[in-house]
Amino acid sequence: MDNNNVVRFLLTFFFGWLGSIIINHSSLKPSGYTSRTLAYIFLSAVTLGIYGLVASICNLTFDPSKERNIGYKKAL
């Protein structure tokens, strides 16, 4: 397991969308991807935090070879 995956998990699990902003503007951002910060804010609010929990867990299994990863999109 990649240490960056663990750090991304901890940031998004404990700090929610703020963690997503930190990830998106630091070296923790996976290369070639951008974090979906607005999705974290909106979907976490709508799902009462469930989306934030799911996205945090998915950070542990982030795989850059996949086309899609929850919470991230390919950078243009």
N, C-alpha and C. Protein backbone atom coordinates (compact mmCIF):
# COMPACT_ATOMS: atom_id res chain seq x y z
N MET A 1 0.85 -1.19 0.00
CA MET A 1 0.00 0.00 0.00
C MET A 1 0.89 1.24 0.00
N ASP A 2 0.56 2.19 -0.87
CA ASP A 2 1.30 3.42 -1.02
C ASP A 2 1.05 4.35 0.17
N ASN A 3 2.12 4.95 0.70
CA ASN A 3 1.97 5.88 1.83
C ASN A 3 1.09 7.07 1.47
N ASN A 4 1.17 7.54 0.21
CA ASN A 4 0.31 8.65 -0.19
C ASN A 4 -1.16 8.27 -0.12
N ASN A 5 -1.50 7.02 -0.42
CA ASN A 5 -2.88 6.57 -0.31
C ASN A 5 -3.37 6.69 1.13
N VAL A 6 -2.52 6.32 2.08
CA VAL A 6 -2.89 6.39 3.50
C VAL A 6 -3.07 7.84 3.92
N VAL A 7 -2.17 8.72 3.49
CA VAL A 7 -2.28 10.14 3.85
C VAL A 7 -3.54 10.74 3.23
N ARG A 8 -3.82 10.42 1.96
CA ARG A 8 -5.05 10.92 1.32
C ARG A 8 -6.28 10.41 2.07
N PHE A 9 -6.26 9.14 2.50
CA PHE A 9 -7.38 8.59 3.28
C PHE A 9 -7.58 9.40 4.55
N LEU A 10 -6.50 9.61 5.30
CA LEU A 10 -6.61 10.32 6.58
C LEU A 10 -7.10 11.75 6.39
N LEU A 11 -6.58 12.44 5.37
CA LEU A 11 -7.01 13.82 5.13
C LEU A 11 -8.48 13.89 4.77
N THR A 12 -8.93 13.03 3.86
CA THR A 12 -10.34 13.11 3.46
C THR A 12 -11.28 12.54 4.52
N PHE A 13 -10.82 11.57 5.28
CA PHE A 13 -11.69 11.00 6.31
C PHE A 13 -11.88 11.99 7.46
N PHE A 14 -10.79 12.60 7.93
CA PHE A 14 -10.90 13.47 9.10
C PHE A 14 -11.20 14.93 8.76
N PHE A 15 -10.85 15.37 7.54
CA PHE A 15 -11.07 16.77 7.19
C PHE A 15 -12.02 16.96 6.02
N GLY A 16 -12.55 15.87 5.47
CA GLY A 16 -13.55 15.95 4.41
C GLY A 16 -13.08 16.76 3.23
N TRP A 17 -13.92 17.72 2.81
CA TRP A 17 -13.61 18.50 1.61
C TRP A 17 -12.38 19.37 1.80
N LEU A 18 -12.08 19.78 3.02
CA LEU A 18 -10.86 20.55 3.27
C LEU A 18 -9.63 19.70 2.93
N GLY A 19 -9.69 18.43 3.29
CA GLY A 19 -8.61 17.50 2.94
C GLY A 19 -8.48 17.37 1.43
N SER A 20 -9.61 17.38 0.73
CA SER A 20 -9.59 17.30 -0.73
C SER A 20 -8.90 18.52 -1.33
N ILE A 21 -9.15 19.70 -0.76
CA ILE A 21 -8.49 20.92 -1.24
C ILE A 21 -6.99 20.82 -0.99
N ILE A 22 -6.59 20.36 0.19
CA ILE A 22 -5.16 20.21 0.52
C ILE A 22 -4.51 19.24 -0.46
N ILE A 23 -5.14 18.11 -0.71
CA ILE A 23 -4.60 17.11 -1.63
C ILE A 23 -4.44 17.71 -3.03
N ASN A 24 -5.46 18.44 -3.48
CA ASN A 24 -5.45 18.97 -4.84
C ASN A 24 -4.35 20.01 -5.06
N HIS A 25 -3.89 20.65 -4.00
CA HIS A 25 -2.88 21.71 -4.12
C HIS A 25 -1.58 21.34 -3.45
N SER A 26 -1.27 20.05 -3.42
CA SER A 26 -0.02 19.60 -2.81
C SER A 26 0.55 18.44 -3.63
N SER A 27 1.67 17.94 -3.18
CA SER A 27 2.30 16.81 -3.87
C SER A 27 1.55 15.50 -3.61
N LEU A 28 0.50 15.52 -2.79
CA LEU A 28 -0.29 14.32 -2.53
C LEU A 28 -1.24 14.00 -3.67
N LYS A 29 -1.43 14.98 -4.57
CA LYS A 29 -2.33 14.76 -5.71
C LYS A 29 -1.70 13.72 -6.62
N PRO A 30 -2.43 12.65 -6.96
CA PRO A 30 -1.89 11.65 -7.87
C PRO A 30 -1.56 12.29 -9.22
N SER A 31 -0.42 11.93 -9.79
CA SER A 31 -0.01 12.54 -11.05
C SER A 31 -1.00 12.18 -12.15
N GLY A 32 -1.39 13.20 -12.90
CA GLY A 32 -2.35 13.01 -13.98
C GLY A 32 -3.80 13.09 -13.54
N TYR A 33 -4.05 13.33 -12.26
CA TYR A 33 -5.41 13.41 -11.74
C TYR A 33 -5.64 14.72 -11.02
N THR A 34 -6.88 15.10 -10.88
CA THR A 34 -7.26 16.23 -10.07
C THR A 34 -8.37 15.78 -9.13
N SER A 35 -8.37 16.31 -7.91
CA SER A 35 -9.36 15.92 -6.92
C SER A 35 -10.69 16.62 -7.22
N ARG A 36 -11.77 15.94 -6.96
CA ARG A 36 -13.10 16.51 -7.20
C ARG A 36 -13.59 17.20 -5.93
N THR A 37 -12.98 18.33 -5.61
CA THR A 37 -13.28 19.03 -4.36
C THR A 37 -14.75 19.42 -4.26
N LEU A 38 -15.32 19.98 -5.32
CA LEU A 38 -16.73 20.39 -5.27
C LEU A 38 -17.65 19.19 -5.09
N ALA A 39 -17.27 18.05 -5.68
CA ALA A 39 -18.07 16.85 -5.48
C ALA A 39 -18.02 16.41 -4.03
N TYR A 40 -16.84 16.51 -3.39
CA TYR A 40 -16.75 16.16 -1.97
C TYR A 40 -17.70 17.02 -1.16
N ILE A 41 -17.69 18.33 -1.42
CA ILE A 41 -18.53 19.24 -0.64
C ILE A 41 -20.00 18.92 -0.85
N PHE A 42 -20.43 18.89 -2.10
CA PHE A 42 -21.85 18.71 -2.41
C PHE A 42 -22.36 17.33 -2.01
N LEU A 43 -21.67 16.28 -2.46
CA LEU A 43 -22.16 14.93 -2.19
C LEU A 43 -22.05 14.55 -0.72
N SER A 44 -21.04 15.05 -0.02
CA SER A 44 -20.96 14.77 1.41
C SER A 44 -22.12 15.42 2.16
N ALA A 45 -22.48 16.63 1.75
CA ALA A 45 -23.61 17.31 2.40
C ALA A 45 -24.92 16.59 2.10
N VAL A 46 -25.12 16.19 0.85
CA VAL A 46 -26.37 15.54 0.45
C VAL A 46 -26.50 14.16 1.09
N THR A 47 -25.40 13.44 1.23
CA THR A 47 -25.47 12.08 1.77
C THR A 47 -25.12 12.02 3.26
N LEU A 48 -25.12 13.19 3.89
CA LEU A 48 -24.83 13.28 5.34
C LEU A 48 -23.48 12.64 5.69
N GLY A 49 -22.49 12.84 4.85
CA GLY A 49 -21.14 12.36 5.13
C GLY A 49 -20.80 10.99 4.59
N ILE A 50 -21.79 10.27 4.06
CA ILE A 50 -21.52 8.90 3.58
C ILE A 50 -20.58 8.93 2.38
N TYR A 51 -20.78 9.88 1.45
CA TYR A 51 -19.89 9.97 0.29
C TYR A 51 -18.45 10.23 0.74
N GLY A 52 -18.28 11.11 1.70
CA GLY A 52 -16.93 11.39 2.21
C GLY A 52 -16.27 10.15 2.77
N LEU A 53 -17.04 9.33 3.47
CA LEU A 53 -16.51 8.08 4.03
C LEU A 53 -16.13 7.11 2.91
N VAL A 54 -16.99 6.95 1.93
CA VAL A 54 -16.71 6.05 0.80
C VAL A 54 -15.49 6.53 0.03
N ALA A 55 -15.43 7.83 -0.27
CA ALA A 55 -14.29 8.37 -1.02
C ALA A 55 -13.00 8.22 -0.23
N SER A 56 -13.06 8.38 1.08
CA SER A 56 -11.87 8.21 1.92
C SER A 56 -11.36 6.78 1.83
N ILE A 57 -12.25 5.83 1.93
CA ILE A 57 -11.86 4.42 1.84
C ILE A 57 -11.28 4.13 0.46
N CYS A 58 -11.87 4.73 -0.58
CA CYS A 58 -11.38 4.50 -1.93
C CYS A 58 -9.98 5.10 -2.14
N ASN A 59 -9.60 6.09 -1.34
CA ASN A 59 -8.24 6.63 -1.43
C ASN A 59 -7.21 5.57 -1.06
N LEU A 60 -7.59 4.62 -0.23
CA LEU A 60 -6.66 3.54 0.14
C LEU A 60 -6.39 2.61 -1.03
N THR A 61 -7.34 2.52 -1.93
CA THR A 61 -7.20 1.59 -3.06
C THR A 61 -7.02 2.32 -4.38
N PHE A 62 -6.61 3.60 -4.32
CA PHE A 62 -6.42 4.39 -5.54
C PHE A 62 -5.46 3.69 -6.48
N ASP A 63 -5.88 3.54 -7.72
CA ASP A 63 -5.07 2.86 -8.73
C ASP A 63 -5.00 3.72 -9.98
N PRO A 64 -3.83 4.32 -10.27
CA PRO A 64 -3.73 5.21 -11.43
C PRO A 64 -3.98 4.52 -12.77
N SER A 65 -3.93 3.20 -12.82
CA SER A 65 -4.17 2.51 -14.08
C SER A 65 -5.66 2.40 -14.40
N LYS A 66 -6.52 2.64 -13.40
CA LYS A 66 -7.97 2.61 -13.62
C LYS A 66 -8.41 3.89 -14.32
N GLU A 67 -9.43 3.79 -15.13
CA GLU A 67 -9.98 4.95 -15.82
C GLU A 67 -10.66 5.89 -14.82
N ARG A 68 -11.32 5.31 -13.82
CA ARG A 68 -12.04 6.12 -12.83
C ARG A 68 -11.64 5.70 -11.42
N ASN A 69 -11.52 6.69 -10.56
CA ASN A 69 -11.31 6.48 -9.13
C ASN A 69 -12.25 7.44 -8.41
N ILE A 70 -12.96 6.95 -7.43
CA ILE A 70 -13.93 7.81 -6.72
C ILE A 70 -13.17 8.98 -6.10
N GLY A 71 -13.68 10.19 -6.35
CA GLY A 71 -13.08 11.39 -5.80
C GLY A 71 -12.04 12.04 -6.69
N TYR A 72 -11.66 11.37 -7.78
CA TYR A 72 -10.64 11.92 -8.69
C TYR A 72 -11.10 11.80 -10.12
N LYS A 73 -10.61 12.70 -10.95
CA LYS A 73 -10.83 12.60 -12.38
C LYS A 73 -9.51 12.85 -13.08
N LYS A 74 -9.38 12.30 -14.29
CA LYS A 74 -8.16 12.49 -15.07
C LYS A 74 -8.02 13.98 -15.40
N ALA A 75 -6.80 14.50 -15.21
CA ALA A 75 -6.54 15.88 -15.57
C ALA A 75 -6.52 16.02 -17.08
N LEU A 76 -6.97 17.16 -17.57
CA LEU A 76 -7.02 17.37 -19.02
C LEU A 76 -5.69 17.79 -19.55
